[in-house]
Amino acid sequence: MSDWTFVCATSELLPGEKAVAWADDTPILVVNLDGELYAVEDRCTHDEFELSSGDVDTAEGSITCVLHGARFDLRDGRALCAPAYDPVAKFPVKIENGGVWVRDDREG
């Protein structure tokens, strides 16, 4: 299990905005949905493309992959439509000392 990774200052992640950090070899996308922060792996489960280049729908709480249109719920990682069927990994987020931090808490 890795340590916490700094993403950005809290002031840099306003509602509707997103940021990406690398925890070891894992790209993690953090999105501010109306003041709540959510983190998922920055990789579409359909074709391994970066989700961070997609659009965030703050009302639905989702992000759309620009490559083939797969959508994912940012709160729990589940795939919302084809062509993706598998969820993206979800990660813990914390705010500490004015910063946003994430951690890849998966085993192995």
PDB file of N, CA and C in Angstrom:
ATOM      1  N   MET A   1       0.848  -1.176   0.000  1.00  0.00           N
ATOM      2  CA  MET A   1       0.000   0.000   0.000  1.00  0.00           C
ATOM      3  C   MET A   1       0.891   1.236   0.000  1.00  0.00           C
ATOM      4  N   SER A   2       0.578   2.197  -0.826  1.00  0.00           N
ATOM      5  CA  SER A   2       1.436   3.378  -0.937  1.00  0.00           C
ATOM      6  C   SER A   2       1.032   4.453   0.067  1.00  0.00           C
ATOM      7  N   ASP A   3       1.901   5.429   0.190  1.00  0.00           N
ATOM      8  CA  ASP A   3       1.628   6.569   1.044  1.00  0.00           C
ATOM      9  C   ASP A   3       0.704   7.537   0.315  1.00  0.00           C
ATOM     10  N   TRP A   4       0.275   8.558   1.032  1.00  0.00           N
ATOM     11  CA  TRP A   4      -0.557   9.592   0.433  1.00  0.00           C
ATOM     12  C   TRP A   4       0.267  10.404  -0.566  1.00  0.00           C
ATOM     13  N   THR A   5      -0.356  10.777  -1.678  1.00  0.00           N
ATOM     14  CA  THR A   5       0.281  11.550  -2.736  1.00  0.00           C
ATOM     15  C   THR A   5      -0.393  12.913  -2.835  1.00  0.00           C
ATOM     16  N   PHE A   6       0.410  13.968  -2.857  1.00  0.00           N
ATOM     17  CA  PHE A   6      -0.118  15.329  -2.993  1.00  0.00           C
ATOM     18  C   PHE A   6      -0.644  15.539  -4.405  1.00  0.00           C
ATOM     19  N   VAL A   7      -1.846  16.115  -4.503  1.00  0.00           N
ATOM     20  CA  VAL A   7      -2.445  16.400  -5.807  1.00  0.00           C
ATOM     21  C   VAL A   7      -2.299  17.880  -6.144  1.00  0.00           C
ATOM     22  N   CYS A   8      -2.832  18.743  -5.281  1.00  0.00           N
ATOM     23  CA  CYS A   8      -2.799  20.185  -5.507  1.00  0.00           C
ATOM     24  C   CYS A   8      -3.291  20.890  -4.254  1.00  0.00           C
ATOM     25  N   ALA A   9      -3.182  22.206  -4.243  1.00  0.00           N
ATOM     26  CA  ALA A   9      -3.762  22.984  -3.146  1.00  0.00           C
ATOM     27  C   ALA A   9      -5.281  22.958  -3.283  1.00  0.00           C
ATOM     28  N   THR A  10      -5.979  22.999  -2.161  1.00  0.00           N
ATOM     29  CA  THR A  10      -7.451  22.979  -2.222  1.00  0.00           C
ATOM     30  C   THR A  10      -7.985  24.155  -3.034  1.00  0.00           C
ATOM     31  N   SER A  11      -7.291  25.281  -3.010  1.00  0.00           N
ATOM     32  CA  SER A  11      -7.728  26.467  -3.758  1.00  0.00           C
ATOM     33  C   SER A  11      -7.634  26.280  -5.274  1.00  0.00           C
ATOM     34  N   GLU A  12      -6.897  25.264  -5.717  1.00  0.00           N
ATOM     35  CA  GLU A  12      -6.743  25.009  -7.148  1.00  0.00           C
ATOM     36  C   GLU A  12      -7.784  24.031  -7.695  1.00  0.00           C
ATOM     37  N   LEU A  13      -8.625  23.488  -6.798  1.00  0.00           N
ATOM     38  CA  LEU A  13      -9.603  22.483  -7.232  1.00  0.00           C
ATOM     39  C   LEU A  13     -11.004  22.969  -6.850  1.00  0.00           C
ATOM     40  N   LEU A  14     -11.494  23.920  -7.609  1.00  0.00           N
ATOM     41  CA  LEU A  14     -12.809  24.509  -7.366  1.00  0.00           C
ATOM     42  C   LEU A  14     -13.912  23.571  -7.857  1.00  0.00           C
ATOM     43  N   PRO A  15     -15.162  23.775  -7.420  1.00  0.00           N
ATOM     44  CA  PRO A  15     -16.263  22.919  -7.885  1.00  0.00           C
ATOM     45  C   PRO A  15     -16.304  22.805  -9.408  1.00  0.00           C
ATOM     46  N   GLY A  16     -16.420  21.566  -9.888  1.00  0.00           N
ATOM     47  CA  GLY A  16     -16.457  21.286 -11.320  1.00  0.00           C
ATOM     48  C   GLY A  16     -15.092  21.078 -11.943  1.00  0.00           C
ATOM     49  N   GLU A  17     -14.023  21.334 -11.174  1.00  0.00           N
ATOM     50  CA  GLU A  17     -12.678  21.184 -11.732  1.00  0.00           C
ATOM     51  C   GLU A  17     -12.087  19.822 -11.393  1.00  0.00           C
ATOM     52  N   LYS A  18     -11.023  19.478 -12.117  1.00  0.00           N
ATOM     53  CA  LYS A  18     -10.366  18.183 -11.936  1.00  0.00           C
ATOM     54  C   LYS A  18      -8.856  18.350 -11.945  1.00  0.00           C
ATOM     55  N   ALA A  19      -8.187  17.393 -11.336  1.00  0.00           N
ATOM     56  CA  ALA A  19      -6.722  17.378 -11.297  1.00  0.00           C
ATOM     57  C   ALA A  19      -6.269  15.927 -11.326  1.00  0.00           C
ATOM     58  N   VAL A  20      -5.044  15.705 -11.780  1.00  0.00           N
ATOM     59  CA  VAL A  20      -4.494  14.346 -11.854  1.00  0.00           C
ATOM     60  C   VAL A  20      -3.171  14.294 -11.113  1.00  0.00           C
ATOM     61  N   ALA A  21      -2.974  13.214 -10.374  1.00  0.00           N
ATOM     62  CA  ALA A  21      -1.700  12.965  -9.703  1.00  0.00           C
ATOM     63  C   ALA A  21      -1.330  11.503  -9.938  1.00  0.00           C
ATOM     64  N   TRP A  22      -0.063  11.211  -9.799  1.00  0.00           N
ATOM     65  CA  TRP A  22       0.415   9.837  -9.947  1.00  0.00           C
ATOM     66  C   TRP A  22       0.779   9.286  -8.577  1.00  0.00           C
ATOM     67  N   ALA A  23       0.141   8.184  -8.204  1.00  0.00           N
ATOM     68  CA  ALA A  23       0.491   7.468  -6.977  1.00  0.00           C
ATOM     69  C   ALA A  23       1.237   6.217  -7.437  1.00  0.00           C
ATOM     70  N   ASP A  24       2.533   6.218  -7.270  1.00  0.00           N
ATOM     71  CA  ASP A  24       3.386   5.169  -7.839  1.00  0.00           C
ATOM     72  C   ASP A  24       3.151   5.157  -9.352  1.00  0.00           C
ATOM     73  N   ASP A  25       2.670   4.040  -9.909  1.00  0.00           N
ATOM     74  CA  ASP A  25       2.455   3.950 -11.358  1.00  0.00           C
ATOM     75  C   ASP A  25       0.996   4.156 -11.757  1.00  0.00           C
ATOM     76  N   THR A  26       0.165   4.627 -10.824  1.00  0.00           N
ATOM     77  CA  THR A  26      -1.262   4.764 -11.078  1.00  0.00           C
ATOM     78  C   THR A  26      -1.674   6.226 -11.229  1.00  0.00           C
ATOM     79  N   PRO A  27      -2.242   6.589 -12.389  1.00  0.00           N
ATOM     80  CA  PRO A  27      -2.759   7.952 -12.530  1.00  0.00           C
ATOM     81  C   PRO A  27      -4.119   8.037 -11.829  1.00  0.00           C
ATOM     82  N   ILE A  28      -4.258   9.036 -10.955  1.00  0.00           N
ATOM     83  CA  ILE A  28      -5.503   9.189 -10.201  1.00  0.00           C
ATOM     84  C   ILE A  28      -6.113  10.551 -10.511  1.00  0.00           C
ATOM     85  N   LEU A  29      -7.378  10.504 -10.923  1.00  0.00           N
ATOM     86  CA  LEU A  29      -8.141  11.699 -11.257  1.00  0.00           C
ATOM     87  C   LEU A  29      -8.960  12.113 -10.044  1.00  0.00           C
ATOM     88  N   VAL A  30      -8.828  13.371  -9.640  1.00  0.00           N
ATOM     89  CA  VAL A  30      -9.615  13.908  -8.530  1.00  0.00           C
ATOM     90  C   VAL A  30     -10.540  14.987  -9.090  1.00  0.00           C
ATOM     91  N   VAL A  31     -11.824  14.888  -8.728  1.00  0.00           N
ATOM     92  CA  VAL A  31     -12.820  15.840  -9.222  1.00  0.00           C
ATOM     93  C   VAL A  31     -13.573  16.431  -8.032  1.00  0.00           C
ATOM     94  N   ASN A  32     -13.805  17.733  -8.099  1.00  0.00           N
ATOM     95  CA  ASN A  32     -14.589  18.435  -7.091  1.00  0.00           C
ATOM     96  C   ASN A  32     -16.028  18.516  -7.596  1.00  0.00           C
ATOM     97  N   LEU A  33     -16.914  17.752  -6.942  1.00  0.00           N
ATOM     98  CA  LEU A  33     -18.331  17.793  -7.280  1.00  0.00           C
ATOM     99  C   LEU A  33     -19.044  18.591  -6.196  1.00  0.00           C
ATOM    100  N   ASP A  34     -19.236  19.867  -6.431  1.00  0.00           N
ATOM    101  CA  ASP A  34     -19.960  20.733  -5.513  1.00  0.00           C
ATOM    102  C   ASP A  34     -19.394  20.683  -4.089  1.00  0.00           C
ATOM    103  N   GLY A  35     -18.083  20.699  -3.999  1.00  0.00           N
ATOM    104  CA  GLY A  35     -17.424  20.730  -2.691  1.00  0.00           C
ATOM    105  C   GLY A  35     -17.006  19.380  -2.155  1.00  0.00           C
ATOM    106  N   GLU A  36     -17.505  18.290  -2.730  1.00  0.00           N
ATOM    107  CA  GLU A  36     -17.090  16.937  -2.335  1.00  0.00           C
ATOM    108  C   GLU A  36     -16.039  16.452  -3.331  1.00  0.00           C
ATOM    109  N   LEU A  37     -14.949  15.889  -2.812  1.00  0.00           N
ATOM    110  CA  LEU A  37     -13.872  15.417  -3.683  1.00  0.00           C
ATOM    111  C   LEU A  37     -13.955  13.910  -3.873  1.00  0.00           C
ATOM    112  N   TYR A  38     -13.802  13.488  -5.116  1.00  0.00           N
ATOM    113  CA  TYR A  38     -13.840  12.068  -5.461  1.00  0.00           C
ATOM    114  C   TYR A  38     -12.619  11.743  -6.315  1.00  0.00           C
ATOM    115  N   ALA A  39     -12.080  10.533  -6.119  1.00  0.00           N
ATOM    116  CA  ALA A  39     -10.891  10.116  -6.869  1.00  0.00           C
ATOM    117  C   ALA A  39     -11.126   8.749  -7.499  1.00  0.00           C
ATOM    118  N   VAL A  40     -10.821   8.662  -8.790  1.00  0.00           N
ATOM    119  CA  VAL A  40     -10.913   7.395  -9.531  1.00  0.00           C
ATOM    120  C   VAL A  40      -9.654   7.253 -10.379  1.00  0.00           C
ATOM    121  N   GLU A  41      -9.399   6.033 -10.812  1.00  0.00           N
ATOM    122  CA  GLU A  41      -8.249   5.824 -11.689  1.00  0.00           C
ATOM    123  C   GLU A  41      -8.475   6.566 -13.000  1.00  0.00           C
ATOM    124  N   ASP A  42      -7.445   7.247 -13.474  1.00  0.00           N
ATOM    125  CA  ASP A  42      -7.545   8.048 -14.694  1.00  0.00           C
ATOM    126  C   ASP A  42      -7.314   7.176 -15.917  1.00  0.00           C
ATOM    127  N   ARG A  43      -8.109   6.095 -16.018  1.00  0.00           N
ATOM    128  CA  ARG A  43      -7.973   5.154 -17.121  1.00  0.00           C
ATOM    129  C   ARG A  43      -9.334   4.535 -17.402  1.00  0.00           C
ATOM    130  N   CYS A  44      -9.843   4.752 -18.597  1.00  0.00           N
ATOM    131  CA  CYS A  44     -11.110   4.141 -18.986  1.00  0.00           C
ATOM    132  C   CYS A  44     -10.936   2.620 -19.013  1.00  0.00           C
ATOM    133  N   THR A  45     -11.891   1.895 -18.442  1.00  0.00           N
ATOM    134  CA  THR A  45     -11.785   0.432 -18.423  1.00  0.00           C
ATOM    135  C   THR A  45     -12.109  -0.190 -19.778  1.00  0.00           C
ATOM    136  N   HIS A  46     -12.628   0.598 -20.704  1.00  0.00           N
ATOM    137  CA  HIS A  46     -12.920   0.066 -22.025  1.00  0.00           C
ATOM    138  C   HIS A  46     -11.674   0.013 -22.903  1.00  0.00           C
ATOM    139  N   ASP A  47     -10.900   1.106 -22.930  1.00  0.00           N
ATOM    140  CA  ASP A  47      -9.778   1.151 -23.869  1.00  0.00           C
ATOM    141  C   ASP A  47      -8.544   1.836 -23.277  1.00  0.00           C
ATOM    142  N   GLU A  48      -8.447   1.876 -21.941  1.00  0.00           N
ATOM    143  CA  GLU A  48      -7.254   2.382 -21.253  1.00  0.00           C
ATOM    144  C   GLU A  48      -6.928   3.849 -21.542  1.00  0.00           C
ATOM    145  N   PHE A  49      -7.883   4.621 -22.044  1.00  0.00           N
ATOM    146  CA  PHE A  49      -7.628   6.027 -22.357  1.00  0.00           C
ATOM    147  C   PHE A  49      -7.819   6.868 -21.100  1.00  0.00           C
ATOM    148  N   GLU A  50      -7.130   8.006 -21.031  1.00  0.00           N
ATOM    149  CA  GLU A  50      -7.222   8.867 -19.840  1.00  0.00           C
ATOM    150  C   GLU A  50      -8.597   9.525 -19.741  1.00  0.00           C
ATOM    151  N   LEU A  51      -9.252   9.338 -18.598  1.00  0.00           N
ATOM    152  CA  LEU A  51     -10.563   9.940 -18.376  1.00  0.00           C
ATOM    153  C   LEU A  51     -10.478  11.444 -18.155  1.00  0.00           C
ATOM    154  N   SER A  52      -9.332  11.909 -17.680  1.00  0.00           N
ATOM    155  CA  SER A  52      -9.191  13.333 -17.340  1.00  0.00           C
ATOM    156  C   SER A  52      -9.382  14.256 -18.529  1.00  0.00           C
ATOM    157  N   SER A  53      -9.262  13.759 -19.760  1.00  0.00           N
ATOM    158  CA  SER A  53      -9.490  14.619 -20.908  1.00  0.00           C
ATOM    159  C   SER A  53     -10.978  14.725 -21.251  1.00  0.00           C
ATOM    160  N   GLY A  54     -11.807  13.992 -20.524  1.00  0.00           N
ATOM    161  CA  GLY A  54     -13.249  14.027 -20.779  1.00  0.00           C
ATOM    162  C   GLY A  54     -13.963  15.103 -19.997  1.00  0.00           C
ATOM    163  N   ASP A  55     -15.234  15.258 -20.301  1.00  0.00           N
ATOM    164  CA  ASP A  55     -16.067  16.269 -19.652  1.00  0.00           C
ATOM    165  C   ASP A  55     -16.720  15.716 -18.388  1.00  0.00           C
ATOM    166  N   VAL A  56     -16.762  16.568 -17.366  1.00  0.00           N
ATOM    167  CA  VAL A  56     -17.435  16.228 -16.110  1.00  0.00           C
ATOM    168  C   VAL A  56     -18.858  16.761 -16.171  1.00  0.00           C
ATOM    169  N   ASP A  57     -19.829  15.921 -15.847  1.00  0.00           N
ATOM    170  CA  ASP A  57     -21.219  16.331 -15.713  1.00  0.00           C
ATOM    171  C   ASP A  57     -21.471  16.450 -14.214  1.00  0.00           C
ATOM    172  N   THR A  58     -21.443  17.675 -13.694  1.00  0.00           N
ATOM    173  CA  THR A  58     -21.556  17.863 -12.249  1.00  0.00           C
ATOM    174  C   THR A  58     -22.947  17.501 -11.729  1.00  0.00           C
ATOM    175  N   ALA A  59     -23.976  17.663 -12.543  1.00  0.00           N
ATOM    176  CA  ALA A  59     -25.334  17.314 -12.112  1.00  0.00           C
ATOM    177  C   ALA A  59     -25.466  15.800 -11.937  1.00  0.00           C
ATOM    178  N   GLU A  60     -24.901  15.039 -12.868  1.00  0.00           N
ATOM    179  CA  GLU A  60     -24.970  13.583 -12.803  1.00  0.00           C
ATOM    180  C   GLU A  60     -23.858  13.008 -11.930  1.00  0.00           C
ATOM    181  N   GLY A  61     -22.771  13.772 -11.761  1.00  0.00           N
ATOM    182  CA  GLY A  61     -21.628  13.265 -11.009  1.00  0.00           C
ATOM    183  C   GLY A  61     -20.834  12.253 -11.812  1.00  0.00           C
ATOM    184  N   SER A  62     -20.690  12.517 -13.106  1.00  0.00           N
ATOM    185  CA  SER A  62     -20.024  11.549 -13.983  1.00  0.00           C
ATOM    186  C   SER A  62     -18.964  12.223 -14.841  1.00  0.00           C
ATOM    187  N   ILE A  63     -18.147  11.365 -15.460  1.00  0.00           N
ATOM    188  CA  ILE A  63     -17.165  11.820 -16.447  1.00  0.00           C
ATOM    189  C   ILE A  63     -17.301  10.934 -17.670  1.00  0.00           C
ATOM    190  N   THR A  64     -17.133  11.549 -18.856  1.00  0.00           N
ATOM    191  CA  THR A  64     -17.263  10.826 -20.117  1.00  0.00           C
ATOM    192  C   THR A  64     -15.902  10.707 -20.776  1.00  0.00           C
ATOM    193  N   CYS A  65     -15.562   9.501 -21.192  1.00  0.00           N
ATOM    194  CA  CYS A  65     -14.304   9.274 -21.906  1.00  0.00           C
ATOM    195  C   CYS A  65     -14.454   9.832 -23.324  1.00  0.00           C
ATOM    196  N   VAL A  66     -13.496  10.651 -23.748  1.00  0.00           N
ATOM    197  CA  VAL A  66     -13.590  11.278 -25.071  1.00  0.00           C
ATOM    198  C   VAL A  66     -13.344  10.290 -26.214  1.00  0.00           C
ATOM    199  N   LEU A  67     -12.747   9.151 -25.920  1.00  0.00           N
ATOM    200  CA  LEU A  67     -12.390   8.225 -26.988  1.00  0.00           C
ATOM    201  C   LEU A  67     -13.615   7.526 -27.587  1.00  0.00           C
ATOM    202  N   HIS A  68     -14.460   6.912 -26.741  1.00  0.00           N
ATOM    203  CA  HIS A  68     -15.618   6.175 -27.252  1.00  0.00           C
ATOM    204  C   HIS A  68     -16.924   6.490 -26.523  1.00  0.00           C
ATOM    205  N   GLY A  69     -16.916   7.466 -25.616  1.00  0.00           N
ATOM    206  CA  GLY A  69     -18.158   7.887 -24.985  1.00  0.00           C
ATOM    207  C   GLY A  69     -18.589   7.120 -23.745  1.00  0.00           C
ATOM    208  N   ALA A  70     -17.737   6.254 -23.213  1.00  0.00           N
ATOM    209  CA  ALA A  70     -18.097   5.552 -21.976  1.00  0.00           C
ATOM    210  C   ALA A  70     -18.211   6.570 -20.846  1.00  0.00           C
ATOM    211  N   ARG A  71     -19.183   6.369 -19.949  1.00  0.00           N
ATOM    212  CA  ARG A  71     -19.393   7.273 -18.820  1.00  0.00           C
ATOM    213  C   ARG A  71     -19.231   6.514 -17.513  1.00  0.00           C
ATOM    214  N   PHE A  72     -18.663   7.209 -16.518  1.00  0.00           N
ATOM    215  CA  PHE A  72     -18.428   6.608 -15.207  1.00  0.00           C
ATOM    216  C   PHE A  72     -18.934   7.515 -14.103  1.00  0.00           C
ATOM    217  N   ASP A  73     -19.517   6.907 -13.075  1.00  0.00           N
ATOM    218  CA  ASP A  73     -19.946   7.650 -11.897  1.00  0.00           C
ATOM    219  C   ASP A  73     -18.705   7.960 -11.070  1.00  0.00           C
ATOM    220  N   LEU A  74     -18.467   9.229 -10.793  1.00  0.00           N
ATOM    221  CA  LEU A  74     -17.270   9.626 -10.050  1.00  0.00           C
ATOM    222  C   LEU A  74     -17.355   9.268  -8.572  1.00  0.00           C
ATOM    223  N   ARG A  75     -18.559   9.074  -8.057  1.00  0.00           N
ATOM    224  CA  ARG A  75     -18.717   8.779  -6.626  1.00  0.00           C
ATOM    225  C   ARG A  75     -18.369   7.345  -6.276  1.00  0.00           C
ATOM    226  N   ASP A  76     -18.661   6.409  -7.190  1.00  0.00           N
ATOM    227  CA  ASP A  76     -18.379   5.004  -6.870  1.00  0.00           C
ATOM    228  C   ASP A  76     -17.617   4.255  -7.968  1.00  0.00           C
ATOM    229  N   GLY A  77     -17.343   4.918  -9.089  1.00  0.00           N
ATOM    230  CA  GLY A  77     -16.543   4.315 -10.147  1.00  0.00           C
ATOM    231  C   GLY A  77     -17.290   3.448 -11.141  1.00  0.00           C
ATOM    232  N   ARG A  78     -18.581   3.218 -10.920  1.00  0.00           N
ATOM    233  CA  ARG A  78     -19.284   2.274 -11.797  1.00  0.00           C
ATOM    234  C   ARG A  78     -19.454   2.820 -13.209  1.00  0.00           C
ATOM    235  N   ALA A  79     -19.433   1.895 -14.165  1.00  0.00           N
ATOM    236  CA  ALA A  79     -19.654   2.251 -15.568  1.00  0.00           C
ATOM    237  C   ALA A  79     -21.144   2.533 -15.747  1.00  0.00           C
ATOM    238  N   LEU A  80     -21.467   3.633 -16.433  1.00  0.00           N
ATOM    239  CA  LEU A  80     -22.861   4.032 -16.618  1.00  0.00           C
ATOM    240  C   LEU A  80     -23.411   3.682 -17.988  1.00  0.00           C
ATOM    241  N   CYS A  81     -22.524   3.399 -18.952  1.00  0.00           N
ATOM    242  CA  CYS A  81     -23.009   3.035 -20.279  1.00  0.00           C
ATOM    243  C   CYS A  81     -21.907   2.323 -21.068  1.00  0.00           C
ATOM    244  N   ALA A  82     -22.343   1.611 -22.104  1.00  0.00           N
ATOM    245  CA  ALA A  82     -21.405   0.957 -23.014  1.00  0.00           C
ATOM    246  C   ALA A  82     -20.628   2.044 -23.748  1.00  0.00           C
ATOM    247  N   PRO A  83     -19.429   1.766 -24.200  1.00  0.00           N
ATOM    248  CA  PRO A  83     -18.811   0.454 -24.316  1.00  0.00           C
ATOM    249  C   PRO A  83     -18.096  -0.039 -23.060  1.00  0.00           C
ATOM    250  N   ALA A  84     -18.114   0.699 -21.970  1.00  0.00           N
ATOM    251  CA  ALA A  84     -17.466   0.224 -20.736  1.00  0.00           C
ATOM    252  C   ALA A  84     -18.478  -0.543 -19.891  1.00  0.00           C
ATOM    253  N   TYR A  85     -18.028  -1.653 -19.319  1.00  0.00           N
ATOM    254  CA  TYR A  85     -18.878  -2.451 -18.443  1.00  0.00           C
ATOM    255  C   TYR A  85     -18.254  -2.601 -17.056  1.00  0.00           C
ATOM    256  N   ASP A  86     -16.940  -2.508 -16.993  1.00  0.00           N
ATOM    257  CA  ASP A  86     -16.233  -2.644 -15.722  1.00  0.00           C
ATOM    258  C   ASP A  86     -16.060  -1.284 -15.070  1.00  0.00           C
ATOM    259  N   PRO A  87     -16.150  -1.223 -13.739  1.00  0.00           N
ATOM    260  CA  PRO A  87     -15.959   0.055 -13.047  1.00  0.00           C
ATOM    261  C   PRO A  87     -14.490   0.480 -13.055  1.00  0.00           C
ATOM    262  N   VAL A  88     -14.259   1.770 -12.831  1.00  0.00           N
ATOM    263  CA  VAL A  88     -12.899   2.263 -12.613  1.00  0.00           C
ATOM    264  C   VAL A  88     -12.633   2.183 -11.112  1.00  0.00           C
ATOM    265  N   ALA A  89     -11.366   2.003 -10.754  1.00  0.00           N
ATOM    266  CA  ALA A  89     -11.000   1.923  -9.341  1.00  0.00           C
ATOM    267  C   ALA A  89     -11.256   3.263  -8.667  1.00  0.00           C
ATOM    268  N   LYS A  90     -11.733   3.210  -7.433  1.00  0.00           N
ATOM    269  CA  LYS A  90     -12.011   4.405  -6.635  1.00  0.00           C
ATOM    270  C   LYS A  90     -10.975   4.473  -5.520  1.00  0.00           C
ATOM    271  N   PHE A  91     -10.553   5.694  -5.166  1.00  0.00           N
ATOM    272  CA  PHE A  91      -9.496   5.863  -4.172  1.00  0.00           C
ATOM    273  C   PHE A  91      -9.896   6.861  -3.094  1.00  0.00           C
ATOM    274  N   PRO A  92      -9.288   6.738  -1.907  1.00  0.00           N
ATOM    275  CA  PRO A  92      -9.562   7.700  -0.842  1.00  0.00           C
ATOM    276  C   PRO A  92      -8.908   9.050  -1.122  1.00  0.00           C
ATOM    277  N   VAL A  93      -9.593  10.103  -0.680  1.00  0.00           N
ATOM    278  CA  VAL A  93      -9.109  11.478  -0.813  1.00  0.00           C
ATOM    279  C   VAL A  93      -9.146  12.100   0.573  1.00  0.00           C
ATOM    280  N   LYS A  94      -8.138  12.916   0.886  1.00  0.00           N
ATOM    281  CA  LYS A  94      -8.186  13.672   2.132  1.00  0.00           C
ATOM    282  C   LYS A  94      -7.700  15.088   1.876  1.00  0.00           C
ATOM    283  N   ILE A  95      -8.179  15.993   2.725  1.00  0.00           N
ATOM    284  CA  ILE A  95      -7.716  17.377   2.698  1.00  0.00           C
ATOM    285  C   ILE A  95      -6.928  17.584   3.975  1.00  0.00           C
ATOM    286  N   GLU A  96      -5.685  18.038   3.806  1.00  0.00           N
ATOM    287  CA  GLU A  96      -4.819  18.228   4.959  1.00  0.00           C
ATOM    288  C   GLU A  96      -3.843  19.357   4.661  1.00  0.00           C
ATOM    289  N   ASN A  97      -3.678  20.264   5.619  1.00  0.00           N
ATOM    290  CA  ASN A  97      -2.742  21.387   5.482  1.00  0.00           C
ATOM    291  C   ASN A  97      -2.956  22.174   4.191  1.00  0.00           C
ATOM    292  N   GLY A  98      -4.213  22.381   3.819  1.00  0.00           N
ATOM    293  CA  GLY A  98      -4.521  23.174   2.625  1.00  0.00           C
ATOM    294  C   GLY A  98      -4.290  22.459   1.318  1.00  0.00           C
ATOM    295  N   GLY A  99      -4.042  21.149   1.381  1.00  0.00           N
ATOM    296  CA  GLY A  99      -3.785  20.386   0.167  1.00  0.00           C
ATOM    297  C   GLY A  99      -4.745  19.225  -0.012  1.00  0.00           C
ATOM    298  N   VAL A 100      -4.843  18.759  -1.238  1.00  0.00           N
ATOM    299  CA  VAL A 100      -5.640  17.585  -1.584  1.00  0.00           C
ATOM    300  C   VAL A 100      -4.676  16.423  -1.759  1.00  0.00           C
ATOM    301  N   TRP A 101      -4.986  15.304  -1.120  1.00  0.00           N
ATOM    302  CA  TRP A 101      -4.118  14.119  -1.141  1.00  0.00           C
ATOM    303  C   TRP A 101      -4.926  12.889  -1.533  1.00  0.00           C
ATOM    304  N   VAL A 102      -4.289  11.957  -2.265  1.00  0.00           N
ATOM    305  CA  VAL A 102      -4.917  10.692  -2.638  1.00  0.00           C
ATOM    306  C   VAL A 102      -3.977   9.544  -2.299  1.00  0.00           C
ATOM    307  N   ARG A 103      -4.568   8.337  -2.277  1.00  0.00           N
ATOM    308  CA  ARG A 103      -3.748   7.162  -1.971  1.00  0.00           C
ATOM    309  C   ARG A 103      -4.315   5.968  -2.729  1.00  0.00           C
ATOM    310  N   ASP A 104      -3.430   5.204  -3.355  1.00  0.00           N
ATOM    311  CA  ASP A 104      -3.821   3.947  -3.991  1.00  0.00           C
ATOM    312  C   ASP A 104      -3.840   2.906  -2.885  1.00  0.00           C
ATOM    313  N   ASP A 105      -5.026   2.553  -2.408  1.00  0.00           N
ATOM    314  CA  ASP A 105      -5.157   1.649  -1.280  1.00  0.00           C
ATOM    315  C   ASP A 105      -5.408   0.201  -1.679  1.00  0.00           C
ATOM    316  N   ARG A 106      -5.216  -0.106  -2.951  1.00  0.00           N
ATOM    317  CA  ARG A 106      -5.409  -1.487  -3.401  1.00  0.00           C
ATOM    318  C   ARG A 106      -4.250  -2.358  -2.911  1.00  0.00           C
ATOM    319  N   GLU A 107      -4.563  -3.597  -2.658  1.00  0.00           N
ATOM    320  CA  GLU A 107      -3.526  -4.552  -2.234  1.00  0.00           C
ATOM    321  C   GLU A 107      -2.679  -4.962  -3.431  1.00  0.00           C
ATOM    322  N   GLY A 108      -1.400  -5.220  -3.161  1.00  0.00           N
ATOM    323  CA  GLY A 108      -0.528  -5.784  -4.182  1.00  0.00           C
ATOM    324  C   GLY A 108       0.116  -4.763  -5.008  1.00  0.00           C
TER     325      GLY A 108
END
